[in-house]
PDB file of N, CA and C in Angstrom:
ATOM      1  N   UNK A   1      99.202  94.773  77.000  1.00  0.00           N
ATOM      2  CA  UNK A   1     100.406  94.765  77.803  1.00  0.00           C
ATOM      3  C   UNK A   1     100.040  94.516  79.268  1.00  0.00           C
ATOM      4  N   UNK A   2     100.875  93.794  79.935  1.00  0.00           N
ATOM      5  CA  UNK A   2     100.691  93.481  81.347  1.00  0.00           C
ATOM      6  C   UNK A   2     100.823  94.746  82.197  1.00  0.00           C
ATOM      7  N   UNK A   3     100.115  94.781  83.330  1.00  0.00           N
ATOM      8  CA  UNK A   3     100.276  95.921  84.239  1.00  0.00           C
ATOM      9  C   UNK A   3     101.634  95.862  84.935  1.00  0.00           C
ATOM     10  N   UNK A   4     102.314  94.697  84.847  1.00  0.00           N
ATOM     11  CA  UNK A   4     103.631  94.533  85.471  1.00  0.00           C
ATOM     12  C   UNK A   4     104.605  93.946  84.446  1.00  0.00           C
ATOM     13  N   UNK A   5     105.071  94.783  83.516  1.00  0.00           N
ATOM     14  CA  UNK A   5     105.976  94.261  82.493  1.00  0.00           C
ATOM     15  C   UNK A   5     107.358  93.910  83.035  1.00  0.00           C
ATOM     16  N   UNK A   6     107.747  94.533  84.152  1.00  0.00           N
ATOM     17  CA  UNK A   6     109.086  94.297  84.691  1.00  0.00           C
ATOM     18  C   UNK A   6     109.185  94.849  86.106  1.00  0.00           C
ATOM     19  N   UNK A   7     110.114  94.309  86.869  1.00  0.00           N
ATOM     20  CA  UNK A   7     110.444  94.887  88.175  1.00  0.00           C
ATOM     21  C   UNK A   7     111.581  95.908  88.039  1.00  0.00           C
ATOM     22  N   UNK A   8     112.109  96.066  86.855  1.00  0.00           N
ATOM     23  CA  UNK A   8     113.193  97.009  86.624  1.00  0.00           C
ATOM     24  C   UNK A   8     112.677  98.443  86.626  1.00  0.00           C
ATOM     25  N   UNK A   9     113.360  99.303  87.368  1.00  0.00           N
ATOM     26  CA  UNK A   9     113.032 100.729  87.384  1.00  0.00           C
ATOM     27  C   UNK A   9     114.328 101.517  87.257  1.00  0.00           C
ATOM     28  N   UNK A  10     114.225 102.760  86.835  1.00  0.00           N
ATOM     29  CA  UNK A  10     115.416 103.585  86.641  1.00  0.00           C
ATOM     30  C   UNK A  10     115.973 104.136  87.946  1.00  0.00           C
ATOM     31  N   UNK A  11     115.087 104.401  88.894  1.00  0.00           N
ATOM     32  CA  UNK A  11     115.516 105.049  90.132  1.00  0.00           C
ATOM     33  C   UNK A  11     114.853 104.382  91.337  1.00  0.00           C
ATOM     34  N   UNK A  12     115.405 104.589  92.528  1.00  0.00           N
ATOM     35  CA  UNK A  12     114.739 104.093  93.731  1.00  0.00           C
ATOM     36  C   UNK A  12     113.333 104.678  93.911  1.00  0.00           C
ATOM     37  N   UNK A  13     113.152 105.939  93.540  1.00  0.00           N
ATOM     38  CA  UNK A  13     111.823 106.541  93.667  1.00  0.00           C
ATOM     39  C   UNK A  13     110.812 105.809  92.783  1.00  0.00           C
ATOM     40  N   UNK A  14     111.197 105.501  91.550  1.00  0.00           N
ATOM     41  CA  UNK A  14     110.315 104.713  90.684  1.00  0.00           C
ATOM     42  C   UNK A  14     110.090 103.330  91.280  1.00  0.00           C
ATOM     43  N   UNK A  15     111.122 102.783  91.924  1.00  0.00           N
ATOM     44  CA  UNK A  15     110.994 101.493  92.575  1.00  0.00           C
ATOM     45  C   UNK A  15     109.989 101.540  93.712  1.00  0.00           C
ATOM     46  N   UNK A  16     110.002 102.609  94.469  1.00  0.00           N
ATOM     47  CA  UNK A  16     109.044 102.763  95.561  1.00  0.00           C
ATOM     48  C   UNK A  16     107.624 102.893  95.017  1.00  0.00           C
ATOM     49  N   UNK A  17     107.472 103.654  93.936  1.00  0.00           N
ATOM     50  CA  UNK A  17     106.152 103.779  93.312  1.00  0.00           C
ATOM     51  C   UNK A  17     105.661 102.422  92.814  1.00  0.00           C
ATOM     52  N   UNK A  18     106.568 101.609  92.289  1.00  0.00           N
ATOM     53  CA  UNK A  18     106.196 100.265  91.861  1.00  0.00           C
ATOM     54  C   UNK A  18     105.785  99.411  93.064  1.00  0.00           C
ATOM     55  N   UNK A  19     106.490  99.556  94.166  1.00  0.00           N
ATOM     56  CA  UNK A  19     106.131  98.818  95.384  1.00  0.00           C
ATOM     57  C   UNK A  19     104.720  99.193  95.837  1.00  0.00           C
ATOM     58  N   UNK A  20     104.385 100.462  95.765  1.00  0.00           N
ATOM     59  CA  UNK A  20     103.021 100.901  96.099  1.00  0.00           C
ATOM     60  C   UNK A  20     102.007 100.262  95.157  1.00  0.00           C
ATOM     61  N   UNK A  21     102.333 100.241  93.877  1.00  0.00           N
ATOM     62  CA  UNK A  21     101.445  99.640  92.880  1.00  0.00           C
ATOM     63  C   UNK A  21     101.240  98.151  93.173  1.00  0.00           C
ATOM     64  N   UNK A  22     102.310  97.450  93.526  1.00  0.00           N
ATOM     65  CA  UNK A  22     102.196  96.030  93.853  1.00  0.00           C
ATOM     66  C   UNK A  22     101.249  95.820  95.039  1.00  0.00           C
ATOM     67  N   UNK A  23     101.380  96.658  96.042  1.00  0.00           N
ATOM     68  CA  UNK A  23     100.512  96.540  97.218  1.00  0.00           C
ATOM     69  C   UNK A  23      99.057  96.814  96.846  1.00  0.00           C
ATOM     70  N   UNK A  24      98.828  97.851  96.050  1.00  0.00           N
ATOM     71  CA  UNK A  24      97.457  98.180  95.643  1.00  0.00           C
ATOM     72  C   UNK A  24      96.839  97.072  94.807  1.00  0.00           C
ATOM     73  N   UNK A  25      97.631  96.522  93.895  1.00  0.00           N
ATOM     74  CA  UNK A  25      97.113  95.459  93.042  1.00  0.00           C
ATOM     75  C   UNK A  25      96.789  94.204  93.853  1.00  0.00           C
ATOM     76  N   UNK A  26      97.575  93.926  94.879  1.00  0.00           N
ATOM     77  CA  UNK A  26      97.284  92.768  95.731  1.00  0.00           C
ATOM     78  C   UNK A  26      95.931  92.933  96.406  1.00  0.00           C
ATOM     79  N   UNK A  27      95.652  94.148  96.882  1.00  0.00           N
ATOM     80  CA  UNK A  27      94.350  94.410  97.511  1.00  0.00           C
ATOM     81  C   UNK A  27      93.239  94.276  96.475  1.00  0.00           C
ATOM     82  N   UNK A  28      93.471  94.820  95.293  1.00  0.00           N
ATOM     83  CA  UNK A  28      92.454  94.771  94.231  1.00  0.00           C
ATOM     84  C   UNK A  28      92.143  93.327  93.829  1.00  0.00           C
ATOM     85  N   UNK A  29      93.169  92.489  93.730  1.00  0.00           N
ATOM     86  CA  UNK A  29      92.941  91.086  93.368  1.00  0.00           C
ATOM     87  C   UNK A  29      92.283  90.318  94.508  1.00  0.00           C
ATOM     88  N   UNK A  30      92.646  90.667  95.744  1.00  0.00           N
ATOM     89  CA  UNK A  30      92.077  89.991  96.894  1.00  0.00           C
ATOM     90  C   UNK A  30      90.609  90.364  97.089  1.00  0.00           C
ATOM     91  N   UNK A  31      90.287  91.652  96.892  1.00  0.00           N
ATOM     92  CA  UNK A  31      88.910  92.127  97.017  1.00  0.00           C
ATOM     93  C   UNK A  31      88.566  92.894  95.741  1.00  0.00           C
ATOM     94  N   UNK A  32      88.053  92.195  94.722  1.00  0.00           N
ATOM     95  CA  UNK A  32      87.810  92.843  93.434  1.00  0.00           C
ATOM     96  C   UNK A  32      86.636  93.835  93.416  1.00  0.00           C
ATOM     97  N   UNK A  33      85.779  93.816  94.428  1.00  0.00           N
ATOM     98  CA  UNK A  33      84.626  94.714  94.458  1.00  0.00           C
ATOM     99  C   UNK A  33      85.040  96.087  94.988  1.00  0.00           C
ATOM    100  N   UNK A  34      85.034  97.080  94.111  1.00  0.00           N
ATOM    101  CA  UNK A  34      85.471  98.431  94.484  1.00  0.00           C
ATOM    102  C   UNK A  34      84.619  99.029  95.595  1.00  0.00           C
ATOM    103  N   UNK A  35      83.331  98.759  95.585  1.00  0.00           N
ATOM    104  CA  UNK A  35      82.449  99.310  96.627  1.00  0.00           C
ATOM    105  C   UNK A  35      82.819  98.760  97.999  1.00  0.00           C
ATOM    106  N   UNK A  36      83.136  97.489  98.055  1.00  0.00           N
ATOM    107  CA  UNK A  36      83.550  96.897  99.329  1.00  0.00           C
ATOM    108  C   UNK A  36      84.888  97.480  99.762  1.00  0.00           C
ATOM    109  N   UNK A  37      85.834  97.632  98.820  1.00  0.00           N
ATOM    110  CA  UNK A  37      87.127  98.243  99.168  1.00  0.00           C
ATOM    111  C   UNK A  37      86.925  99.644  99.727  1.00  0.00           C
ATOM    112  N   UNK A  38      86.036 100.406  99.116  1.00  0.00           N
ATOM    113  CA  UNK A  38      85.762 101.765  99.597  1.00  0.00           C
ATOM    114  C   UNK A  38      85.187 101.743 101.011  1.00  0.00           C
ATOM    115  N   UNK A  39      84.294 100.801 101.281  1.00  0.00           N
ATOM    116  CA  UNK A  39      83.710 100.671 102.621  1.00  0.00           C
ATOM    117  C   UNK A  39      84.778 100.287 103.636  1.00  0.00           C
ATOM    118  N   UNK A  40      85.623  99.341 103.269  1.00  0.00           N
ATOM    119  CA  UNK A  40      86.676  98.900 104.187  1.00  0.00           C
ATOM    120  C   UNK A  40      87.693 100.004 104.453  1.00  0.00           C
ATOM    121  N   UNK A  41      87.941 100.823 103.446  1.00  0.00           N
ATOM    122  CA  UNK A  41      88.924 101.904 103.604  1.00  0.00           C
ATOM    123  C   UNK A  41      88.546 102.826 104.756  1.00  0.00           C
ATOM    124  N   UNK A  42      87.258 103.102 104.918  1.00  0.00           N
ATOM    125  CA  UNK A  42      86.840 103.991 106.009  1.00  0.00           C
ATOM    126  C   UNK A  42      87.134 103.377 107.372  1.00  0.00           C
ATOM    127  N   UNK A  43      87.241 102.047 107.421  1.00  0.00           N
ATOM    128  CA  UNK A  43      87.560 101.381 108.691  1.00  0.00           C
ATOM    129  C   UNK A  43      89.052 101.443 109.014  1.00  0.00           C
ATOM    130  N   UNK A  44      89.904 101.313 108.005  1.00  0.00           N
ATOM    131  CA  UNK A  44      91.341 101.258 108.302  1.00  0.00           C
ATOM    132  C   UNK A  44      92.070 102.585 108.151  1.00  0.00           C
ATOM    133  N   UNK A  45      91.471 103.568 107.493  1.00  0.00           N
ATOM    134  CA  UNK A  45      92.200 104.805 107.225  1.00  0.00           C
ATOM    135  C   UNK A  45      92.507 105.621 108.484  1.00  0.00           C
ATOM    136  N   UNK A  46      91.821 105.331 109.572  1.00  0.00           N
ATOM    137  CA  UNK A  46      92.074 106.036 110.834  1.00  0.00           C
ATOM    138  C   UNK A  46      92.648 105.103 111.897  1.00  0.00           C
ATOM    139  N   UNK A  47      93.095 103.927 111.463  1.00  0.00           N
ATOM    140  CA  UNK A  47      93.622 102.933 112.385  1.00  0.00           C
ATOM    141  C   UNK A  47      95.140 102.851 112.227  1.00  0.00           C
ATOM    142  N   UNK A  48      95.852 103.299 113.245  1.00  0.00           N
ATOM    143  CA  UNK A  48      97.321 103.350 113.165  1.00  0.00           C
ATOM    144  C   UNK A  48      97.926 101.971 112.897  1.00  0.00           C
ATOM    145  N   UNK A  49      97.386 100.928 113.517  1.00  0.00           N
ATOM    146  CA  UNK A  49      97.923  99.580 113.300  1.00  0.00           C
ATOM    147  C   UNK A  49      97.727  99.135 111.848  1.00  0.00           C
ATOM    148  N   UNK A  50      96.577  99.421 111.280  1.00  0.00           N
ATOM    149  CA  UNK A  50      96.316  99.056 109.887  1.00  0.00           C
ATOM    150  C   UNK A  50      97.249  99.807 108.944  1.00  0.00           C
ATOM    151  N   UNK A  51      97.456 101.081 109.221  1.00  0.00           N
ATOM    152  CA  UNK A  51      98.348 101.872 108.370  1.00  0.00           C
ATOM    153  C   UNK A  51      99.792 101.394 108.497  1.00  0.00           C
ATOM    154  N   UNK A  52     100.188 101.013 109.698  1.00  0.00           N
ATOM    155  CA  UNK A  52     101.533 100.480 109.900  1.00  0.00           C
ATOM    156  C   UNK A  52     101.705  99.170 109.137  1.00  0.00           C
ATOM    157  N   UNK A  53     100.693  98.318 109.181  1.00  0.00           N
ATOM    158  CA  UNK A  53     100.763  97.047 108.437  1.00  0.00           C
ATOM    159  C   UNK A  53     100.829  97.304 106.933  1.00  0.00           C
ATOM    160  N   UNK A  54     100.084  98.286 106.450  1.00  0.00           N
ATOM    161  CA  UNK A  54     100.135  98.621 105.026  1.00  0.00           C
ATOM    162  C   UNK A  54     101.531  99.099 104.642  1.00  0.00           C
ATOM    163  N   UNK A  55     102.141  99.901 105.494  1.00  0.00           N
ATOM    164  CA  UNK A  55     103.510 100.363 105.241  1.00  0.00           C
ATOM    165  C   UNK A  55     104.481  99.195 105.203  1.00  0.00           C
ATOM    166  N   UNK A  56     104.256  98.218 106.067  1.00  0.00           N
ATOM    167  CA  UNK A  56     105.120  97.030 106.086  1.00  0.00           C
ATOM    168  C   UNK A  56     105.008  96.251 104.773  1.00  0.00           C
ATOM    169  N   UNK A  57     103.803  96.130 104.248  1.00  0.00           N
ATOM    170  CA  UNK A  57     103.610  95.435 102.970  1.00  0.00           C
ATOM    171  C   UNK A  57     104.359  96.169 101.864  1.00  0.00           C
ATOM    172  N   UNK A  58     104.241  97.483 101.818  1.00  0.00           N
ATOM    173  CA  UNK A  58     104.940  98.265 100.799  1.00  0.00           C
ATOM    174  C   UNK A  58     106.454  98.101 100.962  1.00  0.00           C
ATOM    175  N   UNK A  59     106.933  98.122 102.196  1.00  0.00           N
ATOM    176  CA  UNK A  59     108.367  97.955 102.438  1.00  0.00           C
ATOM    177  C   UNK A  59     108.861  96.593 101.948  1.00  0.00           C
ATOM    178  N   UNK A  60     108.063  95.566 102.154  1.00  0.00           N
ATOM    179  CA  UNK A  60     108.431  94.235 101.675  1.00  0.00           C
ATOM    180  C   UNK A  60     108.505  94.215 100.151  1.00  0.00           C
ATOM    181  N   UNK A  61     107.532  94.823  99.500  1.00  0.00           N
ATOM    182  CA  UNK A  61     107.568  94.908  98.035  1.00  0.00           C
ATOM    183  C   UNK A  61     108.773  95.727  97.572  1.00  0.00           C
ATOM    184  N   UNK A  62     109.087  96.796  98.293  1.00  0.00           N
ATOM    185  CA  UNK A  62     110.229  97.622  97.909  1.00  0.00           C
ATOM    186  C   UNK A  62     111.532  96.830  98.011  1.00  0.00           C
ATOM    187  N   UNK A  63     111.658  95.985  99.003  1.00  0.00           N
ATOM    188  CA  UNK A  63     112.845  95.123  99.110  1.00  0.00           C
ATOM    189  C   UNK A  63     112.988  94.252  97.869  1.00  0.00           C
ATOM    190  N   UNK A  64     111.881  93.695  97.419  1.00  0.00           N
ATOM    191  CA  UNK A  64     111.901  92.848  96.229  1.00  0.00           C
ATOM    192  C   UNK A  64     112.331  93.640  95.002  1.00  0.00           C
ATOM    193  N   UNK A  65     111.741  94.817  94.824  1.00  0.00           N
ATOM    194  CA  UNK A  65     112.064  95.655  93.673  1.00  0.00           C
ATOM    195  C   UNK A  65     113.526  96.107  93.742  1.00  0.00           C
ATOM    196  N   UNK A  66     113.985  96.500  94.914  1.00  0.00           N
ATOM    197  CA  UNK A  66     115.378  96.942  95.073  1.00  0.00           C
ATOM    198  C   UNK A  66     116.342  95.825  94.692  1.00  0.00           C
ATOM    199  N   UNK A  67     116.070  94.626  95.167  1.00  0.00           N
ATOM    200  CA  UNK A  67     116.941  93.494  94.833  1.00  0.00           C
ATOM    201  C   UNK A  67     116.921  93.225  93.324  1.00  0.00           C
ATOM    202  N   UNK A  68     115.745  93.311  92.698  1.00  0.00           N
ATOM    203  CA  UNK A  68     115.635  93.096  91.257  1.00  0.00           C
ATOM    204  C   UNK A  68     116.422  94.137  90.471  1.00  0.00           C
ATOM    205  N   UNK A  69     116.671  95.271  91.077  1.00  0.00           N
ATOM    206  CA  UNK A  69     117.418  96.352  90.424  1.00  0.00           C
ATOM    207  C   UNK A  69     118.847  96.457  90.934  1.00  0.00           C
ATOM    208  N   UNK A  70     119.326  95.412  91.590  1.00  0.00           N
ATOM    209  CA  UNK A  70     120.667  95.391  92.160  1.00  0.00           C
ATOM    210  C   UNK A  70     120.908  96.642  92.997  1.00  0.00           C
ATOM    211  N   UNK A  71     119.857  97.050  93.712  1.00  0.00           N
ATOM    212  CA  UNK A  71     119.909  98.196  94.633  1.00  0.00           C
ATOM    213  C   UNK A  71     120.387  99.477  93.931  1.00  0.00           C
ATOM    214  N   UNK A  72     120.123  99.568  92.627  1.00  0.00           N
ATOM    215  CA  UNK A  72     120.436 100.743  91.786  1.00  0.00           C
ATOM    216  C   UNK A  72     121.915 101.109  91.838  1.00  0.00           C
ATOM    217  N   UNK A  73     122.756 100.095  91.872  1.00  0.00           N
ATOM    218  CA  UNK A  73     124.210 100.343  91.890  1.00  0.00           C
ATOM    219  C   UNK A  73     124.703 100.779  90.533  1.00  0.00           C
TER     220      UNK A  73
END
């Protein structure tokens, strides 16, 4: 089974969790070496700009998921 069978979720909270998963998977596909990801994490985990950019990526994914779910109407 695919790690992304659908963008459909039951609730906005599940939608947000899916948005987080989408962001994490993008990083994993972009940098498949876990050791390198771990090394890079120590550089950005204390950087406010990096964390803000990560939040922006998640927000963009959440917009996509929300639209796919007709904003849970």
